[in-house]
């Protein structure tokens, strides 16, 4: 409820309908931030 009041909003992205490469680039940037400093990235049962 607190984050809703703060104006945090949810959006759905459907690349099967239309690719938004600008958004995907933005997401890739967040992914790099998320993994920065982590010791390794898991691959088998953690998806992409």
ModelCIF file with pLDDT and N, C-alpha, C, O atoms, coordinates in Angstrom:
data_MODEL
#
_entry.id   MODEL 
#
_entity.id                         1 
_entity.type                       polymer 
_entity.pdbx_number_of_molecules   1 
#
_entity_poly.entity_id                      1 
_entity_poly.type                           'polypeptide(L)' 
_entity_poly.nstd_linkage                   no 
_entity_poly.nstd_monomer                   no 
_entity_poly.pdbx_seq_one_letter_code       
;(UNK)(UNK)(UNK)(UNK)(UNK)(UNK)(UNK)(UNK)(UNK)(UNK)(UNK)(UNK)(UNK)(UNK)(UNK)(UNK)
(UNK)(UNK)(UNK)(UNK)(UNK)(UNK)(UNK)(UNK)(UNK)(UNK)(UNK)(UNK)(UNK)(UNK)(UNK)(UNK)
(UNK)(UNK)(UNK)(UNK)(UNK)(UNK)(UNK)(UNK)(UNK)(UNK)(UNK)(UNK)(UNK)(UNK)(UNK)(UNK)
;
_entity_poly.pdbx_seq_one_letter_code_can   XXXXXXXXXXXXXXXXXXXXXXXXXXXXXXXXXXXXXXXXXXXXXXXX 
_entity_poly.pdbx_strand_id                 A 
#
loop_
_entity_poly_seq.entity_id 
_entity_poly_seq.num 
_entity_poly_seq.mon_id 
_entity_poly_seq.hetero 
1 1  UNK n 
1 2  UNK n 
1 3  UNK n 
1 4  UNK n 
1 5  UNK n 
1 6  UNK n 
1 7  UNK n 
1 8  UNK n 
1 9  UNK n 
1 10 UNK n 
1 11 UNK n 
1 12 UNK n 
1 13 UNK n 
1 14 UNK n 
1 15 UNK n 
1 16 UNK n 
1 17 UNK n 
1 18 UNK n 
1 19 UNK n 
1 20 UNK n 
1 21 UNK n 
1 22 UNK n 
1 23 UNK n 
1 24 UNK n 
1 25 UNK n 
1 26 UNK n 
1 27 UNK n 
1 28 UNK n 
1 29 UNK n 
1 30 UNK n 
1 31 UNK n 
1 32 UNK n 
1 33 UNK n 
1 34 UNK n 
1 35 UNK n 
1 36 UNK n 
1 37 UNK n 
1 38 UNK n 
1 39 UNK n 
1 40 UNK n 
1 41 UNK n 
1 42 UNK n 
1 43 UNK n 
1 44 UNK n 
1 45 UNK n 
1 46 UNK n 
1 47 UNK n 
1 48 UNK n 
#
_struct_asym.id          A 
_struct_asym.entity_id   1 
#
loop_
_ma_qa_metric.id 
_ma_qa_metric.mode 
_ma_qa_metric.name 
_ma_qa_metric.software_group_id 
_ma_qa_metric.type 
1 global pLDDT . pLDDT 
2 local  pLDDT . pLDDT 
#
_ma_qa_metric_global.metric_id      1 
_ma_qa_metric_global.metric_value   84.00 
_ma_qa_metric_global.model_id       1 
_ma_qa_metric_global.ordinal_id     1 
#
loop_
_ma_qa_metric_local.label_asym_id 
_ma_qa_metric_local.label_comp_id 
_ma_qa_metric_local.label_seq_id 
_ma_qa_metric_local.metric_id 
_ma_qa_metric_local.metric_value 
_ma_qa_metric_local.model_id 
_ma_qa_metric_local.ordinal_id 
A UNK 1  2 96.00 1 1  
A UNK 2  2 96.00 1 2  
A UNK 3  2 97.00 1 3  
A UNK 4  2 97.00 1 4  
A UNK 5  2 97.00 1 5  
A UNK 6  2 96.00 1 6  
A UNK 7  2 97.00 1 7  
A UNK 8  2 98.00 1 8  
A UNK 9  2 98.00 1 9  
A UNK 10 2 98.00 1 10 
A UNK 11 2 98.00 1 11 
A UNK 12 2 98.00 1 12 
A UNK 13 2 98.00 1 13 
A UNK 14 2 97.00 1 14 
A UNK 15 2 96.00 1 15 
A UNK 16 2 93.00 1 16 
A UNK 17 2 94.00 1 17 
A UNK 18 2 95.00 1 18 
A UNK 19 2 96.00 1 19 
A UNK 20 2 97.00 1 20 
A UNK 21 2 97.00 1 21 
A UNK 22 2 97.00 1 22 
A UNK 23 2 98.00 1 23 
A UNK 24 2 97.00 1 24 
A UNK 25 2 97.00 1 25 
A UNK 26 2 97.00 1 26 
A UNK 27 2 97.00 1 27 
A UNK 28 2 95.00 1 28 
A UNK 29 2 95.00 1 29 
A UNK 30 2 94.00 1 30 
A UNK 31 2 92.00 1 31 
A UNK 32 2 90.00 1 32 
A UNK 33 2 90.00 1 33 
A UNK 34 2 86.00 1 34 
A UNK 35 2 81.00 1 35 
A UNK 36 2 79.00 1 36 
A UNK 37 2 59.00 1 37 
A UNK 38 2 61.00 1 38 
A UNK 39 2 50.00 1 39 
A UNK 40 2 48.00 1 40 
A UNK 41 2 47.00 1 41 
A UNK 42 2 45.00 1 42 
A UNK 43 2 42.00 1 43 
A UNK 44 2 38.00 1 44 
A UNK 45 2 42.00 1 45 
A UNK 46 2 49.00 1 46 
A UNK 47 2 57.00 1 47 
A UNK 48 2 80.00 1 48 
#
loop_
_atom_site.group_PDB 
_atom_site.id 
_atom_site.type_symbol 
_atom_site.label_atom_id 
_atom_site.label_alt_id 
_atom_site.label_comp_id 
_atom_site.label_asym_id 
_atom_site.label_entity_id 
_atom_site.label_seq_id 
_atom_site.pdbx_PDB_ins_code 
_atom_site.Cartn_x 
_atom_site.Cartn_y 
_atom_site.Cartn_z 
_atom_site.occupancy 
_atom_site.B_iso_or_equiv 
_atom_site.pdbx_formal_charge 
_atom_site.auth_seq_id 
_atom_site.auth_comp_id 
_atom_site.auth_asym_id 
_atom_site.auth_atom_id 
_atom_site.pdbx_PDB_model_num 
ATOM 1   N N  . UNK A 1 1  ? 0.833  -1.211  0.000   1.00 96.00 ? 1  UNK A N  1 
ATOM 2   C CA . UNK A 1 1  ? 0.000  0.000   0.000   1.00 96.00 ? 1  UNK A CA 1 
ATOM 3   C C  . UNK A 1 1  ? 0.865  1.258   0.000   1.00 96.00 ? 1  UNK A C  1 
ATOM 4   O O  . UNK A 1 1  ? 0.536  2.239   -0.668  1.00 96.00 ? 1  UNK A O  1 
ATOM 5   N N  . UNK A 1 2  ? 1.970  1.233   0.748   1.00 96.00 ? 2  UNK A N  1 
ATOM 6   C CA . UNK A 1 2  ? 2.859  2.391   0.818   1.00 96.00 ? 2  UNK A CA 1 
ATOM 7   C C  . UNK A 1 2  ? 3.439  2.729   -0.555  1.00 96.00 ? 2  UNK A C  1 
ATOM 8   O O  . UNK A 1 2  ? 3.482  3.896   -0.944  1.00 96.00 ? 2  UNK A O  1 
ATOM 9   N N  . UNK A 1 3  ? 3.891  1.694   -1.294  1.00 97.00 ? 3  UNK A N  1 
ATOM 10  C CA . UNK A 1 3  ? 4.476  1.939   -2.609  1.00 97.00 ? 3  UNK A CA 1 
ATOM 11  C C  . UNK A 1 3  ? 3.413  2.354   -3.619  1.00 97.00 ? 3  UNK A C  1 
ATOM 12  O O  . UNK A 1 3  ? 3.688  3.140   -4.526  1.00 97.00 ? 3  UNK A O  1 
ATOM 13  N N  . UNK A 1 4  ? 2.209  1.832   -3.463  1.00 97.00 ? 4  UNK A N  1 
ATOM 14  C CA . UNK A 1 4  ? 1.123  2.303   -4.327  1.00 97.00 ? 4  UNK A CA 1 
ATOM 15  C C  . UNK A 1 4  ? 0.869  3.794   -4.120  1.00 97.00 ? 4  UNK A C  1 
ATOM 16  O O  . UNK A 1 4  ? 0.705  4.546   -5.081  1.00 97.00 ? 4  UNK A O  1 
ATOM 17  N N  . UNK A 1 5  ? 0.840  4.214   -2.847  1.00 97.00 ? 5  UNK A N  1 
ATOM 18  C CA . UNK A 1 5  ? 0.613  5.638   -2.547  1.00 97.00 ? 5  UNK A CA 1 
ATOM 19  C C  . UNK A 1 5  ? 1.770  6.501   -3.055  1.00 97.00 ? 5  UNK A C  1 
ATOM 20  O O  . UNK A 1 5  ? 1.582  7.663   -3.415  1.00 97.00 ? 5  UNK A O  1 
ATOM 21  N N  . UNK A 1 6  ? 2.972  5.911   -3.077  1.00 96.00 ? 6  UNK A N  1 
ATOM 22  C CA . UNK A 1 6  ? 4.147  6.656   -3.545  1.00 96.00 ? 6  UNK A CA 1 
ATOM 23  C C  . UNK A 1 6  ? 4.189  6.781   -5.058  1.00 96.00 ? 6  UNK A C  1 
ATOM 24  O O  . UNK A 1 6  ? 5.072  7.442   -5.605  1.00 96.00 ? 6  UNK A O  1 
ATOM 25  N N  . UNK A 1 7  ? 3.234  6.147   -5.739  1.00 97.00 ? 7  UNK A N  1 
ATOM 26  C CA . UNK A 1 7  ? 3.154  6.285   -7.190  1.00 97.00 ? 7  UNK A CA 1 
ATOM 27  C C  . UNK A 1 7  ? 3.889  5.222   -7.981  1.00 97.00 ? 7  UNK A C  1 
ATOM 28  O O  . UNK A 1 7  ? 4.125  5.399   -9.177  1.00 97.00 ? 7  UNK A O  1 
ATOM 29  N N  . UNK A 1 8  ? 4.259  4.110   -7.337  1.00 98.00 ? 8  UNK A N  1 
ATOM 30  C CA . UNK A 1 8  ? 4.899  3.013   -8.071  1.00 98.00 ? 8  UNK A CA 1 
ATOM 31  C C  . UNK A 1 8  ? 3.824  2.285   -8.882  1.00 98.00 ? 8  UNK A C  1 
ATOM 32  O O  . UNK A 1 8  ? 2.780  1.907   -8.350  1.00 98.00 ? 8  UNK A O  1 
ATOM 33  N N  . UNK A 1 9  ? 4.089  2.099   -10.152 1.00 98.00 ? 9  UNK A N  1 
ATOM 34  C CA . UNK A 1 9  ? 3.098  1.506   -11.049 1.00 98.00 ? 9  UNK A CA 1 
ATOM 35  C C  . UNK A 1 9  ? 3.654  0.292   -11.758 1.00 98.00 ? 9  UNK A C  1 
ATOM 36  O O  . UNK A 1 9  ? 4.863  0.167   -11.955 1.00 98.00 ? 9  UNK A O  1 
ATOM 37  N N  . UNK A 1 10 ? 2.750  -0.609  -12.141 1.00 98.00 ? 10 UNK A N  1 
ATOM 38  C CA . UNK A 1 10 ? 3.094  -1.850  -12.842 1.00 98.00 ? 10 UNK A CA 1 
ATOM 39  C C  . UNK A 1 10 ? 2.746  -1.716  -14.314 1.00 98.00 ? 10 UNK A C  1 
ATOM 40  O O  . UNK A 1 10 ? 1.688  -1.195  -14.666 1.00 98.00 ? 10 UNK A O  1 
ATOM 41  N N  . UNK A 1 11 ? 3.650  -2.193  -15.179 1.00 98.00 ? 11 UNK A N  1 
ATOM 42  C CA . UNK A 1 11 ? 3.392  -2.249  -16.613 1.00 98.00 ? 11 UNK A CA 1 
ATOM 43  C C  . UNK A 1 11 ? 3.706  -3.652  -17.113 1.00 98.00 ? 11 UNK A C  1 
ATOM 44  O O  . UNK A 1 11 ? 4.626  -4.301  -16.614 1.00 98.00 ? 11 UNK A O  1 
ATOM 45  N N  . UNK A 1 12 ? 2.946  -4.119  -18.094 1.00 98.00 ? 12 UNK A N  1 
ATOM 46  C CA . UNK A 1 12 ? 3.254  -5.410  -18.719 1.00 98.00 ? 12 UNK A CA 1 
ATOM 47  C C  . UNK A 1 12 ? 3.832  -5.164  -20.110 1.00 98.00 ? 12 UNK A C  1 
ATOM 48  O O  . UNK A 1 12 ? 3.348  -4.319  -20.863 1.00 98.00 ? 12 UNK A O  1 
ATOM 49  N N  . UNK A 1 13 ? 4.877  -5.923  -20.429 1.00 98.00 ? 13 UNK A N  1 
ATOM 50  C CA . UNK A 1 13 ? 5.526  -5.838  -21.733 1.00 98.00 ? 13 UNK A CA 1 
ATOM 51  C C  . UNK A 1 13 ? 5.311  -7.153  -22.469 1.00 98.00 ? 13 UNK A C  1 
ATOM 52  O O  . UNK A 1 13 ? 5.558  -8.226  -21.920 1.00 98.00 ? 13 UNK A O  1 
ATOM 53  N N  . UNK A 1 14 ? 4.850  -7.066  -23.717 1.00 97.00 ? 14 UNK A N  1 
ATOM 54  C CA . UNK A 1 14 ? 4.536  -8.264  -24.507 1.00 97.00 ? 14 UNK A CA 1 
ATOM 55  C C  . UNK A 1 14 ? 5.361  -8.279  -25.786 1.00 97.00 ? 14 UNK A C  1 
ATOM 56  O O  . UNK A 1 14 ? 4.878  -7.828  -26.825 1.00 97.00 ? 14 UNK A O  1 
ATOM 57  N N  . UNK A 1 15 ? 6.594  -8.787  -25.743 1.00 96.00 ? 15 UNK A N  1 
ATOM 58  C CA . UNK A 1 15 ? 7.442  -8.794  -26.938 1.00 96.00 ? 15 UNK A CA 1 
ATOM 59  C C  . UNK A 1 15 ? 6.919  -9.672  -28.054 1.00 96.00 ? 15 UNK A C  1 
ATOM 60  O O  . UNK A 1 15 ? 7.292  -9.480  -29.211 1.00 96.00 ? 15 UNK A O  1 
ATOM 61  N N  . UNK A 1 16 ? 6.052  -10.644 -27.731 1.00 93.00 ? 16 UNK A N  1 
ATOM 62  C CA . UNK A 1 16 ? 5.463  -11.476 -28.783 1.00 93.00 ? 16 UNK A CA 1 
ATOM 63  C C  . UNK A 1 16 ? 4.519  -10.652 -29.655 1.00 93.00 ? 16 UNK A C  1 
ATOM 64  O O  . UNK A 1 16 ? 4.274  -11.005 -30.808 1.00 93.00 ? 16 UNK A O  1 
ATOM 65  N N  . UNK A 1 17 ? 3.991  -9.560  -29.113 1.00 94.00 ? 17 UNK A N  1 
ATOM 66  C CA . UNK A 1 17 ? 3.131  -8.675  -29.892 1.00 94.00 ? 17 UNK A CA 1 
ATOM 67  C C  . UNK A 1 17 ? 3.970  -7.635  -30.643 1.00 94.00 ? 17 UNK A C  1 
ATOM 68  O O  . UNK A 1 17 ? 3.929  -7.560  -31.871 1.00 94.00 ? 17 UNK A O  1 
ATOM 69  N N  . UNK A 1 18 ? 4.721  -6.846  -29.896 1.00 95.00 ? 18 UNK A N  1 
ATOM 70  C CA . UNK A 1 18 ? 5.558  -5.796  -30.495 1.00 95.00 ? 18 UNK A CA 1 
ATOM 71  C C  . UNK A 1 18 ? 6.824  -5.641  -29.668 1.00 95.00 ? 18 UNK A C  1 
ATOM 72  O O  . UNK A 1 18 ? 6.753  -5.458  -28.453 1.00 95.00 ? 18 UNK A O  1 
ATOM 73  N N  . UNK A 1 19 ? 7.973  -5.713  -30.310 1.00 96.00 ? 19 UNK A N  1 
ATOM 74  C CA . UNK A 1 19 ? 9.234  -5.513  -29.604 1.00 96.00 ? 19 UNK A CA 1 
ATOM 75  C C  . UNK A 1 19 ? 9.443  -4.031  -29.331 1.00 96.00 ? 19 UNK A C  1 
ATOM 76  O O  . UNK A 1 19 ? 9.236  -3.193  -30.208 1.00 96.00 ? 19 UNK A O  1 
ATOM 77  N N  . UNK A 1 20 ? 9.850  -3.717  -28.120 1.00 97.00 ? 20 UNK A N  1 
ATOM 78  C CA . UNK A 1 20 ? 10.205 -2.355  -27.724 1.00 97.00 ? 20 UNK A CA 1 
ATOM 79  C C  . UNK A 1 20 ? 11.687 -2.383  -27.355 1.00 97.00 ? 20 UNK A C  1 
ATOM 80  O O  . UNK A 1 20 ? 12.041 -2.667  -26.211 1.00 97.00 ? 20 UNK A O  1 
ATOM 81  N N  . UNK A 1 21 ? 12.549 -2.087  -28.325 1.00 97.00 ? 21 UNK A N  1 
ATOM 82  C CA . UNK A 1 21 ? 13.984 -2.243  -28.101 1.00 97.00 ? 21 UNK A CA 1 
ATOM 83  C C  . UNK A 1 21 ? 14.519 -1.183  -27.137 1.00 97.00 ? 21 UNK A C  1 
ATOM 84  O O  . UNK A 1 21 ? 15.512 -1.422  -26.450 1.00 97.00 ? 21 UNK A O  1 
ATOM 85  N N  . UNK A 1 22 ? 13.887 -0.041  -27.078 1.00 97.00 ? 22 UNK A N  1 
ATOM 86  C CA . UNK A 1 22 ? 14.294 0.977   -26.121 1.00 97.00 ? 22 UNK A CA 1 
ATOM 87  C C  . UNK A 1 22 ? 14.066 0.483   -24.693 1.00 97.00 ? 22 UNK A C  1 
ATOM 88  O O  . UNK A 1 22 ? 14.924 0.651   -23.826 1.00 97.00 ? 22 UNK A O  1 
ATOM 89  N N  . UNK A 1 23 ? 12.902 -0.127  -24.454 1.00 98.00 ? 23 UNK A N  1 
ATOM 90  C CA . UNK A 1 23 ? 12.617 -0.687  -23.135 1.00 98.00 ? 23 UNK A CA 1 
ATOM 91  C C  . UNK A 1 23 ? 13.566 -1.838  -22.818 1.00 98.00 ? 23 UNK A C  1 
ATOM 92  O O  . UNK A 1 23 ? 14.057 -1.949  -21.695 1.00 98.00 ? 23 UNK A O  1 
ATOM 93  N N  . UNK A 1 24 ? 13.824 -2.692  -23.803 1.00 97.00 ? 24 UNK A N  1 
ATOM 94  C CA . UNK A 1 24 ? 14.727 -3.823  -23.566 1.00 97.00 ? 24 UNK A CA 1 
ATOM 95  C C  . UNK A 1 24 ? 16.133 -3.341  -23.226 1.00 97.00 ? 24 UNK A C  1 
ATOM 96  O O  . UNK A 1 24 ? 16.820 -3.957  -22.411 1.00 97.00 ? 24 UNK A O  1 
ATOM 97  N N  . UNK A 1 25 ? 16.561 -2.253  -23.841 1.00 97.00 ? 25 UNK A N  1 
ATOM 98  C CA . UNK A 1 25 ? 17.861 -1.682  -23.511 1.00 97.00 ? 25 UNK A CA 1 
ATOM 99  C C  . UNK A 1 25 ? 17.856 -1.164  -22.067 1.00 97.00 ? 25 UNK A C  1 
ATOM 100 O O  . UNK A 1 25 ? 18.837 -1.322  -21.340 1.00 97.00 ? 25 UNK A O  1 
ATOM 101 N N  . UNK A 1 26 ? 16.765 -0.558  -21.669 1.00 97.00 ? 26 UNK A N  1 
ATOM 102 C CA . UNK A 1 26 ? 16.635 -0.062  -20.297 1.00 97.00 ? 26 UNK A CA 1 
ATOM 103 C C  . UNK A 1 26 ? 16.666 -1.228  -19.307 1.00 97.00 ? 26 UNK A C  1 
ATOM 104 O O  . UNK A 1 26 ? 17.295 -1.149  -18.252 1.00 97.00 ? 26 UNK A O  1 
ATOM 105 N N  . UNK A 1 27 ? 15.980 -2.306  -19.668 1.00 97.00 ? 27 UNK A N  1 
ATOM 106 C CA . UNK A 1 27 ? 15.964 -3.497  -18.811 1.00 97.00 ? 27 UNK A CA 1 
ATOM 107 C C  . UNK A 1 27 ? 17.355 -4.110  -18.708 1.00 97.00 ? 27 UNK A C  1 
ATOM 108 O O  . UNK A 1 27 ? 17.775 -4.537  -17.632 1.00 97.00 ? 27 UNK A O  1 
ATOM 109 N N  . UNK A 1 28 ? 18.071 -4.150  -19.838 1.00 95.00 ? 28 UNK A N  1 
ATOM 110 C CA . UNK A 1 28 ? 19.438 -4.685  -19.825 1.00 95.00 ? 28 UNK A CA 1 
ATOM 111 C C  . UNK A 1 28 ? 20.334 -3.882  -18.884 1.00 95.00 ? 28 UNK A C  1 
ATOM 112 O O  . UNK A 1 28 ? 21.201 -4.442  -18.213 1.00 95.00 ? 28 UNK A O  1 
ATOM 113 N N  . UNK A 1 29 ? 20.122 -2.573  -18.839 1.00 95.00 ? 29 UNK A N  1 
ATOM 114 C CA . UNK A 1 29 ? 20.894 -1.737  -17.929 1.00 95.00 ? 29 UNK A CA 1 
ATOM 115 C C  . UNK A 1 29 ? 20.610 -2.072  -16.478 1.00 95.00 ? 29 UNK A C  1 
ATOM 116 O O  . UNK A 1 29 ? 21.525 -2.104  -15.655 1.00 95.00 ? 29 UNK A O  1 
ATOM 117 N N  . UNK A 1 30 ? 19.337 -2.325  -16.157 1.00 94.00 ? 30 UNK A N  1 
ATOM 118 C CA . UNK A 1 30 ? 18.981 -2.700  -14.793 1.00 94.00 ? 30 UNK A CA 1 
ATOM 119 C C  . UNK A 1 30 ? 19.552 -4.073  -14.447 1.00 94.00 ? 30 UNK A C  1 
ATOM 120 O O  . UNK A 1 30 ? 19.998 -4.306  -13.324 1.00 94.00 ? 30 UNK A O  1 
ATOM 121 N N  . UNK A 1 31 ? 19.532 -4.974  -15.422 1.00 92.00 ? 31 UNK A N  1 
ATOM 122 C CA . UNK A 1 31 ? 20.109 -6.305  -15.201 1.00 92.00 ? 31 UNK A CA 1 
ATOM 123 C C  . UNK A 1 31 ? 21.593 -6.208  -14.845 1.00 92.00 ? 31 UNK A C  1 
ATOM 124 O O  . UNK A 1 31 ? 22.063 -6.889  -13.933 1.00 92.00 ? 31 UNK A O  1 
ATOM 125 N N  . UNK A 1 32 ? 22.319 -5.371  -15.559 1.00 90.00 ? 32 UNK A N  1 
ATOM 126 C CA . UNK A 1 32 ? 23.740 -5.205  -15.274 1.00 90.00 ? 32 UNK A CA 1 
ATOM 127 C C  . UNK A 1 32 ? 23.950 -4.630  -13.875 1.00 90.00 ? 32 UNK A C  1 
ATOM 128 O O  . UNK A 1 32 ? 24.863 -5.045  -13.162 1.00 90.00 ? 32 UNK A O  1 
ATOM 129 N N  . UNK A 1 33 ? 23.108 -3.679  -13.485 1.00 90.00 ? 33 UNK A N  1 
ATOM 130 C CA . UNK A 1 33 ? 23.206 -3.135  -12.127 1.00 90.00 ? 33 UNK A CA 1 
ATOM 131 C C  . UNK A 1 33 ? 22.948 -4.217  -11.086 1.00 90.00 ? 33 UNK A C  1 
ATOM 132 O O  . UNK A 1 33 ? 23.624 -4.281  -10.059 1.00 90.00 ? 33 UNK A O  1 
ATOM 133 N N  . UNK A 1 34 ? 21.969 -5.061  -11.363 1.00 86.00 ? 34 UNK A N  1 
ATOM 134 C CA . UNK A 1 34 ? 21.592 -6.124  -10.418 1.00 86.00 ? 34 UNK A CA 1 
ATOM 135 C C  . UNK A 1 34 ? 22.744 -7.104  -10.210 1.00 86.00 ? 34 UNK A C  1 
ATOM 136 O O  . UNK A 1 34 ? 22.989 -7.548  -9.088  1.00 86.00 ? 34 UNK A O  1 
ATOM 137 N N  . UNK A 1 35 ? 23.451 -7.440  -11.292 1.00 81.00 ? 35 UNK A N  1 
ATOM 138 C CA . UNK A 1 35 ? 24.528 -8.431  -11.193 1.00 81.00 ? 35 UNK A CA 1 
ATOM 139 C C  . UNK A 1 35 ? 25.883 -7.813  -10.839 1.00 81.00 ? 35 UNK A C  1 
ATOM 140 O O  . UNK A 1 35 ? 26.827 -8.536  -10.519 1.00 81.00 ? 35 UNK A O  1 
ATOM 141 N N  . UNK A 1 36 ? 25.981 -6.500  -10.893 1.00 79.00 ? 36 UNK A N  1 
ATOM 142 C CA . UNK A 1 36 ? 27.254 -5.862  -10.595 1.00 79.00 ? 36 UNK A CA 1 
ATOM 143 C C  . UNK A 1 36 ? 27.672 -6.174  -9.156  1.00 79.00 ? 36 UNK A C  1 
ATOM 144 O O  . UNK A 1 36 ? 26.919 -5.947  -8.210  1.00 79.00 ? 36 UNK A O  1 
ATOM 145 N N  . UNK A 1 37 ? 28.872 -6.692  -9.020  1.00 59.00 ? 37 UNK A N  1 
ATOM 146 C CA . UNK A 1 37 ? 29.375 -7.019  -7.699  1.00 59.00 ? 37 UNK A CA 1 
ATOM 147 C C  . UNK A 1 37 ? 28.995 -8.389  -7.200  1.00 59.00 ? 37 UNK A C  1 
ATOM 148 O O  . UNK A 1 37 ? 29.540 -8.848  -6.196  1.00 59.00 ? 37 UNK A O  1 
ATOM 149 N N  . UNK A 1 38 ? 28.062 -9.068  -7.879  1.00 61.00 ? 38 UNK A N  1 
ATOM 150 C CA . UNK A 1 38 ? 27.730 -10.431 -7.480  1.00 61.00 ? 38 UNK A CA 1 
ATOM 151 C C  . UNK A 1 38 ? 28.846 -11.369 -7.921  1.00 61.00 ? 38 UNK A C  1 
ATOM 152 O O  . UNK A 1 38 ? 29.534 -11.120 -8.911  1.00 61.00 ? 38 UNK A O  1 
ATOM 153 N N  . UNK A 1 39 ? 29.012 -12.452 -7.167  1.00 50.00 ? 39 UNK A N  1 
ATOM 154 C CA . UNK A 1 39 ? 30.157 -13.317 -7.396  1.00 50.00 ? 39 UNK A CA 1 
ATOM 155 C C  . UNK A 1 39 ? 30.014 -14.195 -8.630  1.00 50.00 ? 39 UNK A C  1 
ATOM 156 O O  . UNK A 1 39 ? 31.016 -14.580 -9.233  1.00 50.00 ? 39 UNK A O  1 
ATOM 157 N N  . UNK A 1 40 ? 28.790 -14.515 -9.012  1.00 48.00 ? 40 UNK A N  1 
ATOM 158 C CA . UNK A 1 40 ? 28.590 -15.281 -10.228 1.00 48.00 ? 40 UNK A CA 1 
ATOM 159 C C  . UNK A 1 40 ? 27.134 -15.217 -10.627 1.00 48.00 ? 40 UNK A C  1 
ATOM 160 O O  . UNK A 1 40 ? 26.275 -14.794 -9.853  1.00 48.00 ? 40 UNK A O  1 
ATOM 161 N N  . UNK A 1 41 ? 26.872 -15.644 -11.847 1.00 47.00 ? 41 UNK A N  1 
ATOM 162 C CA . UNK A 1 41 ? 25.514 -15.695 -12.362 1.00 47.00 ? 41 UNK A CA 1 
ATOM 163 C C  . UNK A 1 41 ? 25.126 -17.141 -12.575 1.00 47.00 ? 41 UNK A C  1 
ATOM 164 O O  . UNK A 1 41 ? 25.869 -17.901 -13.195 1.00 47.00 ? 41 UNK A O  1 
ATOM 165 N N  . UNK A 1 42 ? 23.965 -17.530 -12.065 1.00 45.00 ? 42 UNK A N  1 
ATOM 166 C CA . UNK A 1 42 ? 23.486 -18.893 -12.236 1.00 45.00 ? 42 UNK A CA 1 
ATOM 167 C C  . UNK A 1 42 ? 22.786 -19.010 -13.581 1.00 45.00 ? 42 UNK A C  1 
ATOM 168 O O  . UNK A 1 42 ? 22.203 -18.053 -14.091 1.00 45.00 ? 42 UNK A O  1 
ATOM 169 N N  . UNK A 1 43 ? 22.862 -20.240 -14.150 1.00 42.00 ? 43 UNK A N  1 
ATOM 170 C CA . UNK A 1 43 ? 22.353 -20.374 -15.510 1.00 42.00 ? 43 UNK A CA 1 
ATOM 171 C C  . UNK A 1 43 ? 21.389 -21.522 -15.714 1.00 42.00 ? 43 UNK A C  1 
ATOM 172 O O  . UNK A 1 43 ? 20.506 -21.427 -16.567 1.00 42.00 ? 43 UNK A O  1 
ATOM 173 N N  . UNK A 1 44 ? 21.524 -22.615 -14.956 1.00 38.00 ? 44 UNK A N  1 
ATOM 174 C CA . UNK A 1 44 ? 20.746 -23.802 -15.343 1.00 38.00 ? 44 UNK A CA 1 
ATOM 175 C C  . UNK A 1 44 ? 19.280 -23.681 -14.948 1.00 38.00 ? 44 UNK A C  1 
ATOM 176 O O  . UNK A 1 44 ? 18.399 -23.710 -15.807 1.00 38.00 ? 44 UNK A O  1 
ATOM 177 N N  . UNK A 1 45 ? 19.019 -23.546 -13.652 1.00 42.00 ? 45 UNK A N  1 
ATOM 178 C CA . UNK A 1 45 ? 17.620 -23.476 -13.243 1.00 42.00 ? 45 UNK A CA 1 
ATOM 179 C C  . UNK A 1 45 ? 17.205 -22.078 -12.825 1.00 42.00 ? 45 UNK A C  1 
ATOM 180 O O  . UNK A 1 45 ? 16.160 -21.892 -12.203 1.00 42.00 ? 45 UNK A O  1 
ATOM 181 N N  . UNK A 1 46 ? 18.006 -21.118 -13.159 1.00 49.00 ? 46 UNK A N  1 
ATOM 182 C CA . UNK A 1 46 ? 17.609 -19.717 -13.058 1.00 49.00 ? 46 UNK A CA 1 
ATOM 183 C C  . UNK A 1 46 ? 17.610 -19.163 -14.471 1.00 49.00 ? 46 UNK A C  1 
ATOM 184 O O  . UNK A 1 46 ? 18.628 -19.208 -15.162 1.00 49.00 ? 46 UNK A O  1 
ATOM 185 N N  . UNK A 1 47 ? 16.484 -18.648 -14.894 1.00 57.00 ? 47 UNK A N  1 
ATOM 186 C CA . UNK A 1 47 ? 16.314 -18.392 -16.315 1.00 57.00 ? 47 UNK A CA 1 
ATOM 187 C C  . UNK A 1 47 ? 16.906 -17.086 -16.801 1.00 57.00 ? 47 UNK A C  1 
ATOM 188 O O  . UNK A 1 47 ? 17.627 -16.393 -16.082 1.00 57.00 ? 47 UNK A O  1 
ATOM 189 N N  . UNK A 1 48 ? 16.573 -16.769 -18.057 1.00 80.00 ? 48 UNK A N  1 
ATOM 190 C CA . UNK A 1 48 ? 16.941 -15.520 -18.697 1.00 80.00 ? 48 UNK A CA 1 
ATOM 191 C C  . UNK A 1 48 ? 15.653 -14.928 -19.249 1.00 80.00 ? 48 UNK A C  1 
ATOM 192 O O  . UNK A 1 48 ? 15.675 -13.853 -19.849 1.00 80.00 ? 48 UNK A O  1 
#
